[in-house]
Amino acid sequence: MAQVDCAVKPKGDFNCLLWALVPKTGQYILCLPTRILLCILLAGFSPAYAQNVEEFIALAEQGDAEAQYSLAFIYDKGVGVEANPAEALRWYQMAAEQGYASAWANLGVMYAEGHGVTEDDVEAARLFGLAARQGVAVAQYNLGLAYMRGRGVEEDDSEALRWFEQAAEQELVGAQFNLGLMYHRGVGTAVDHDKAVYWFRRAAEHGDAAAQFNLGVKYARGEGLPVDLVRAFGWMSLADRLGYQDPQNSLEIIRSQLSP
C-alpha cells in the first residue's frame, strides 16, 4: 500500500515520489521452527516427512519443548497435515509453559488473530512482550506493531521504534524497512535522513522491493546522501523487477532525466 506525499510536479522534481505506508504489512508474523524447515528442505512432503512428524509427536508427548513447538507449528499452518488450530494452541501452550520463547511469540499471533482462540489483543501483547524480552526477533517486530497500532497496549510510536530496532539488528527485514520510514517521517523520533538511508539500505540489500524503491527515492532527492540519479535508477529498477507497484511512474521520470 502506498501514499502520495504531494501532486506530480514538473519533470526533474523528485519530491513527489511514492512511499509505502508504516507499517509495511501491518500483519503479525510467526516464528518458523528450524527443524520443520530442515525437514521440508531435505524430505519435502514425502513419507520421510511423515515419519519426522511421527517423531515430533513422540518427542512432544515425552515433554520435549522444541518438539511441542514444532508440532504446534505443523498443526497451526497445516504443514503436510490438515490444519488444526485447537491442536496448535494446545502444543504451543505446552511448549510455552516450559518457557520456550518462540512458542510465546506464536501464541501471541493466535490471540491477536483469534485463530483457534477468542481474539484478545491484551493477551497477544503480553505474550509478544515475554518472547521479545527473551530476544525473539519476530516477537520484537510484532510488539512494535502492537505499540504502533495501539493493540493491547497504549499506542506509543517511540516504543514501536525501540522494538523495531531490536528486531532489525537481528536482520528482520520488515523491521528494517519500518525503521527507515519512521526515521524518514519522524515517527516516534526526530527526522533523520542518514538513519533512514541506513535502514532502507539494510533492507534493500536483503532483497526488499519497497526498501529498494525508497532507497532510490533518497538518492533522487539527495536526502542523507548526495543526489545520484544513476544509483536511484538502479535501485528503483531492482524494485520494479521484483514487482513493486509505482503508480506515479517514478522510474520513467528518472529515466527521462538520464536520457541524452
Protein backbone atom coordinates (compact mmCIF):
# COMPACT_ATOMS: atom_id res chain seq x y z
CA MET A 1 0.00 0.00 0.00
CA ALA A 2 1.33 3.44 -0.83
CA GLN A 3 0.69 7.07 -0.08
CA VAL A 4 1.25 10.10 -2.31
CA ASP A 5 3.10 12.87 -0.50
CA CYS A 6 2.03 15.57 -2.97
CA ALA A 7 0.84 16.13 -6.54
CA VAL A 8 3.02 15.34 -9.54
CA LYS A 9 5.49 18.14 -10.21
CA PRO A 10 7.29 19.13 -13.43
CA LYS A 11 9.97 16.93 -14.91
CA GLY A 12 13.07 16.76 -12.76
CA ASP A 13 11.36 17.32 -9.38
CA PHE A 14 11.64 14.18 -7.26
CA ASN A 15 9.84 15.40 -4.14
CA CYS A 16 6.58 13.65 -5.04
CA LEU A 17 7.60 10.03 -5.41
CA LEU A 18 5.70 7.35 -3.53
CA TRP A 19 6.45 5.94 -0.11
CA ALA A 20 4.96 2.77 1.34
CA LEU A 21 2.92 3.23 4.50
CA VAL A 22 4.17 2.39 8.00
CA PRO A 23 3.93 -0.39 8.95
CA LYS A 24 4.84 -2.13 5.75
CA THR A 25 2.43 -5.06 6.05
CA GLY A 26 0.50 -4.48 9.25
CA GLN A 27 0.41 -8.26 9.74
CA TYR A 28 1.83 -10.15 12.69
CA ILE A 29 4.28 -12.86 11.70
CA LEU A 30 5.08 -16.32 13.06
CA CYS A 31 8.37 -17.83 14.15
CA LEU A 32 9.34 -20.68 11.82
CA PRO A 33 10.76 -23.75 13.56
CA THR A 34 14.18 -24.56 12.13
CA ARG A 35 13.61 -28.29 12.40
CA ILE A 36 10.42 -28.09 10.33
CA LEU A 37 12.18 -26.05 7.66
CA LEU A 38 15.02 -28.58 7.50
CA CYS A 39 12.57 -31.47 7.20
CA ILE A 40 10.79 -29.80 4.29
CA LEU A 41 14.04 -28.94 2.53
CA LEU A 42 15.52 -32.42 2.98
CA ALA A 43 12.44 -34.60 2.55
CA GLY A 44 9.70 -32.44 1.06
CA PHE A 45 6.24 -33.79 1.88
CA SER A 46 7.35 -37.36 1.29
CA PRO A 47 6.93 -40.42 3.54
CA ALA A 48 10.18 -39.31 5.16
CA TYR A 49 8.49 -36.07 6.24
CA ALA A 50 5.52 -38.01 7.63
CA GLN A 51 7.97 -40.12 9.61
CA ASN A 52 9.53 -36.95 11.03
CA VAL A 53 6.08 -35.73 12.11
CA GLU A 54 5.56 -39.01 13.96
CA GLU A 55 8.90 -38.44 15.68
CA PHE A 56 7.83 -34.91 16.68
CA ILE A 57 4.63 -36.33 18.18
CA ALA A 58 6.55 -38.95 20.17
CA LEU A 59 9.07 -36.39 21.47
CA ALA A 60 6.36 -33.86 22.23
CA GLU A 61 4.41 -36.37 24.27
CA GLN A 62 7.61 -37.04 26.23
CA GLY A 63 7.80 -33.35 27.13
CA ASP A 64 10.37 -32.08 24.62
CA ALA A 65 9.59 -28.34 24.37
CA GLU A 66 11.15 -27.85 20.94
CA ALA A 67 9.20 -30.80 19.56
CA GLN A 68 5.99 -29.43 21.11
CA TYR A 69 6.64 -26.07 19.47
CA SER A 70 7.43 -27.67 16.11
CA LEU A 71 4.33 -29.87 16.27
CA ALA A 72 2.21 -26.83 17.13
CA PHE A 73 3.51 -25.03 14.04
CA ILE A 74 2.71 -28.07 11.87
CA TYR A 75 -0.91 -28.01 13.05
CA ASP A 76 -1.09 -24.21 13.01
CA LYS A 77 -0.15 -23.84 9.34
CA GLY A 78 -1.13 -27.28 8.07
CA VAL A 79 2.43 -28.16 7.07
CA GLY A 80 1.99 -31.58 5.45
CA VAL A 81 -1.07 -32.32 7.60
CA GLU A 82 -4.58 -30.91 7.91
CA ALA A 83 -4.52 -27.63 9.82
CA ASN A 84 -5.90 -27.95 13.34
CA PRO A 85 -5.90 -24.68 15.34
CA ALA A 86 -7.05 -26.38 18.54
CA GLU A 87 -4.12 -28.81 18.44
CA ALA A 88 -1.76 -25.96 17.53
CA LEU A 89 -2.95 -23.97 20.54
CA ARG A 90 -2.57 -26.98 22.85
CA TRP A 91 1.02 -27.74 21.82
CA TYR A 92 2.09 -24.07 21.78
CA GLN A 93 0.74 -23.74 25.32
CA MET A 94 2.63 -26.83 26.47
CA ALA A 95 5.89 -25.51 24.99
CA ALA A 96 5.23 -22.04 26.42
CA GLU A 97 4.66 -23.47 29.89
CA GLN A 98 8.23 -24.78 29.70
CA GLY A 99 9.49 -21.29 28.86
CA TYR A 100 10.02 -21.88 25.12
CA ALA A 101 10.09 -18.26 23.95
CA SER A 102 9.17 -18.80 20.30
CA ALA A 103 6.02 -20.59 21.45
CA TRP A 104 5.02 -17.46 23.38
CA ALA A 105 5.50 -15.45 20.17
CA ASN A 106 3.30 -17.73 18.05
CA LEU A 107 0.67 -17.99 20.77
CA GLY A 108 0.56 -14.21 20.66
CA VAL A 109 -0.26 -14.31 16.96
CA MET A 110 -3.08 -16.79 17.61
CA TYR A 111 -4.60 -14.48 20.24
CA ALA A 112 -4.12 -11.41 18.05
CA GLU A 113 -5.88 -13.05 15.10
CA GLY A 114 -8.48 -15.03 17.04
CA HIS A 115 -7.09 -18.19 15.46
CA GLY A 116 -8.22 -21.22 17.46
CA VAL A 117 -8.96 -18.99 20.46
CA THR A 118 -11.03 -15.90 21.30
CA GLU A 119 -9.29 -12.79 19.98
CA ASP A 120 -7.53 -10.95 22.81
CA ASP A 121 -5.13 -8.13 21.93
CA VAL A 122 -4.05 -7.62 25.55
CA GLU A 123 -3.01 -11.25 25.92
CA ALA A 124 -1.33 -11.13 22.50
CA ALA A 125 0.75 -8.11 23.50
CA ARG A 126 1.65 -9.76 26.82
CA LEU A 127 2.88 -12.88 25.03
CA PHE A 128 4.80 -10.85 22.45
CA GLY A 129 6.45 -9.00 25.33
CA LEU A 130 7.50 -12.21 27.06
CA ALA A 131 9.15 -13.51 23.90
CA ALA A 132 10.55 -10.13 22.86
CA ARG A 133 12.37 -9.72 26.15
CA GLN A 134 13.95 -13.13 25.55
CA GLY A 135 15.36 -11.83 22.26
CA VAL A 136 12.93 -13.39 19.77
CA ALA A 137 13.15 -11.09 16.74
CA VAL A 138 9.69 -11.92 15.36
CA ALA A 139 8.14 -11.13 18.75
CA GLN A 140 10.05 -7.85 18.91
CA TYR A 141 8.65 -6.94 15.49
CA ASN A 142 5.11 -7.96 16.47
CA LEU A 143 5.34 -5.99 19.72
CA GLY A 144 6.48 -2.98 17.68
CA LEU A 145 3.36 -3.35 15.52
CA ALA A 146 1.18 -3.60 18.63
CA TYR A 147 2.61 -0.33 20.01
CA MET A 148 2.30 1.36 16.63
CA ARG A 149 -1.36 0.41 16.29
CA GLY A 150 -2.31 0.59 19.96
CA ARG A 151 -3.47 -3.04 20.00
CA GLY A 152 -3.41 -4.48 23.52
CA VAL A 153 -1.11 -1.67 24.69
CA GLU A 154 -1.30 2.11 24.67
CA GLU A 155 -0.24 3.47 21.28
CA ASP A 156 3.38 4.61 21.54
CA ASP A 157 5.48 5.23 18.43
CA SER A 158 8.70 5.60 20.42
CA GLU A 159 8.18 2.12 21.92
CA ALA A 160 7.40 0.79 18.45
CA LEU A 161 10.67 2.26 17.23
CA ARG A 162 12.58 0.70 20.13
CA TRP A 163 11.27 -2.79 19.44
CA PHE A 164 11.68 -2.48 15.67
CA GLU A 165 15.32 -1.52 16.27
CA GLN A 166 15.93 -4.66 18.30
CA ALA A 167 14.33 -6.85 15.63
CA ALA A 168 16.15 -5.01 12.85
CA GLU A 169 19.54 -5.63 14.46
CA GLN A 170 18.70 -9.33 14.16
CA GLU A 171 18.19 -8.84 10.40
CA LEU A 172 14.39 -8.96 10.40
CA VAL A 173 13.77 -7.15 7.12
CA GLY A 174 10.28 -5.83 7.82
CA ALA A 175 11.59 -4.10 10.94
CA GLN A 176 14.50 -2.60 8.98
CA PHE A 177 12.09 -1.21 6.40
CA ASN A 178 9.76 0.25 9.03
CA LEU A 179 12.69 1.92 10.79
CA GLY A 180 13.77 3.53 7.53
CA LEU A 181 10.34 5.01 7.03
CA MET A 182 9.96 6.10 10.65
CA TYR A 183 13.27 7.97 10.54
CA HIS A 184 12.30 9.49 7.18
CA ARG A 185 8.99 10.77 8.51
CA GLY A 186 9.96 11.45 12.12
CA VAL A 187 7.55 8.90 13.59
CA GLY A 188 8.46 8.19 17.22
CA THR A 189 11.71 10.09 16.73
CA ALA A 190 13.17 13.18 15.07
CA VAL A 191 13.57 13.10 11.29
CA ASP A 192 16.97 11.61 10.50
CA HIS A 193 17.70 11.06 6.81
CA ASP A 194 21.06 9.40 7.49
CA LYS A 195 19.40 6.72 9.62
CA ALA A 196 16.56 6.38 7.12
CA VAL A 197 19.08 5.66 4.38
CA TYR A 198 20.97 3.23 6.62
CA TRP A 199 17.90 1.13 7.37
CA PHE A 200 16.48 1.29 3.86
CA ARG A 201 19.84 0.07 2.58
CA ARG A 202 19.97 -2.79 5.09
CA ALA A 203 16.51 -3.95 3.99
CA ALA A 204 17.21 -3.31 0.30
CA GLU A 205 20.34 -5.46 0.42
CA HIS A 206 18.17 -8.28 1.74
CA GLY A 207 16.02 -8.01 -1.39
CA ASP A 208 13.09 -5.99 -0.04
CA ALA A 209 11.48 -4.29 -3.03
CA ALA A 210 9.82 -1.43 -1.13
CA ALA A 211 13.11 -0.62 0.60
CA GLN A 212 14.94 -0.70 -2.74
CA PHE A 213 12.41 1.74 -4.17
CA ASN A 214 12.65 4.07 -1.19
CA LEU A 215 16.45 3.98 -1.23
CA GLY A 216 16.21 5.03 -4.87
CA VAL A 217 14.00 7.93 -3.82
CA LYS A 218 16.56 9.03 -1.25
CA TYR A 219 19.25 9.07 -3.96
CA ALA A 220 16.93 11.03 -6.26
CA ARG A 221 16.14 13.59 -3.57
CA GLY A 222 19.62 13.79 -2.11
CA GLU A 223 18.36 13.06 1.40
CA GLY A 224 21.00 11.54 3.65
CA LEU A 225 23.41 11.16 0.73
CA PRO A 226 24.41 13.09 -2.41
CA VAL A 227 22.00 13.18 -5.35
CA ASP A 228 22.84 10.29 -7.67
CA LEU A 229 20.26 9.57 -10.37
CA VAL A 230 22.19 6.58 -11.69
CA ARG A 231 22.01 4.82 -8.32
CA ALA A 232 18.40 6.00 -7.88
CA PHE A 233 17.52 4.40 -11.21
CA GLY A 234 19.43 1.23 -10.31
CA TRP A 235 17.63 0.67 -7.01
CA MET A 236 14.23 1.52 -8.45
CA SER A 237 14.85 -0.86 -11.35
CA LEU A 238 15.58 -3.66 -8.89
CA ALA A 239 12.32 -2.90 -7.08
CA ASP A 240 10.44 -2.84 -10.37
CA ARG A 241 11.80 -6.26 -11.35
CA LEU A 242 10.58 -7.62 -8.01
CA GLY A 243 7.08 -6.34 -8.79
CA TYR A 244 6.99 -3.15 -6.73
CA GLN A 245 3.98 -1.08 -7.84
CA ASP A 246 4.77 2.57 -8.61
CA PRO A 247 1.57 4.29 -9.85
CA GLN A 248 3.39 7.61 -10.32
CA ASN A 249 5.83 6.06 -12.79
CA SER A 250 8.82 7.45 -10.89
CA LEU A 251 11.25 5.17 -12.70
CA GLU A 252 10.30 6.71 -16.03
CA ILE A 253 10.72 10.22 -14.62
CA ILE A 254 14.31 9.38 -13.68
CA ARG A 255 14.92 7.53 -16.95
CA SER A 256 13.95 10.72 -18.83
CA GLN A 257 16.47 12.71 -16.80
CA LEU A 258 19.25 10.26 -17.65
CA SER A 259 18.45 10.23 -21.37
CA PRO A 260 20.66 12.48 -23.53
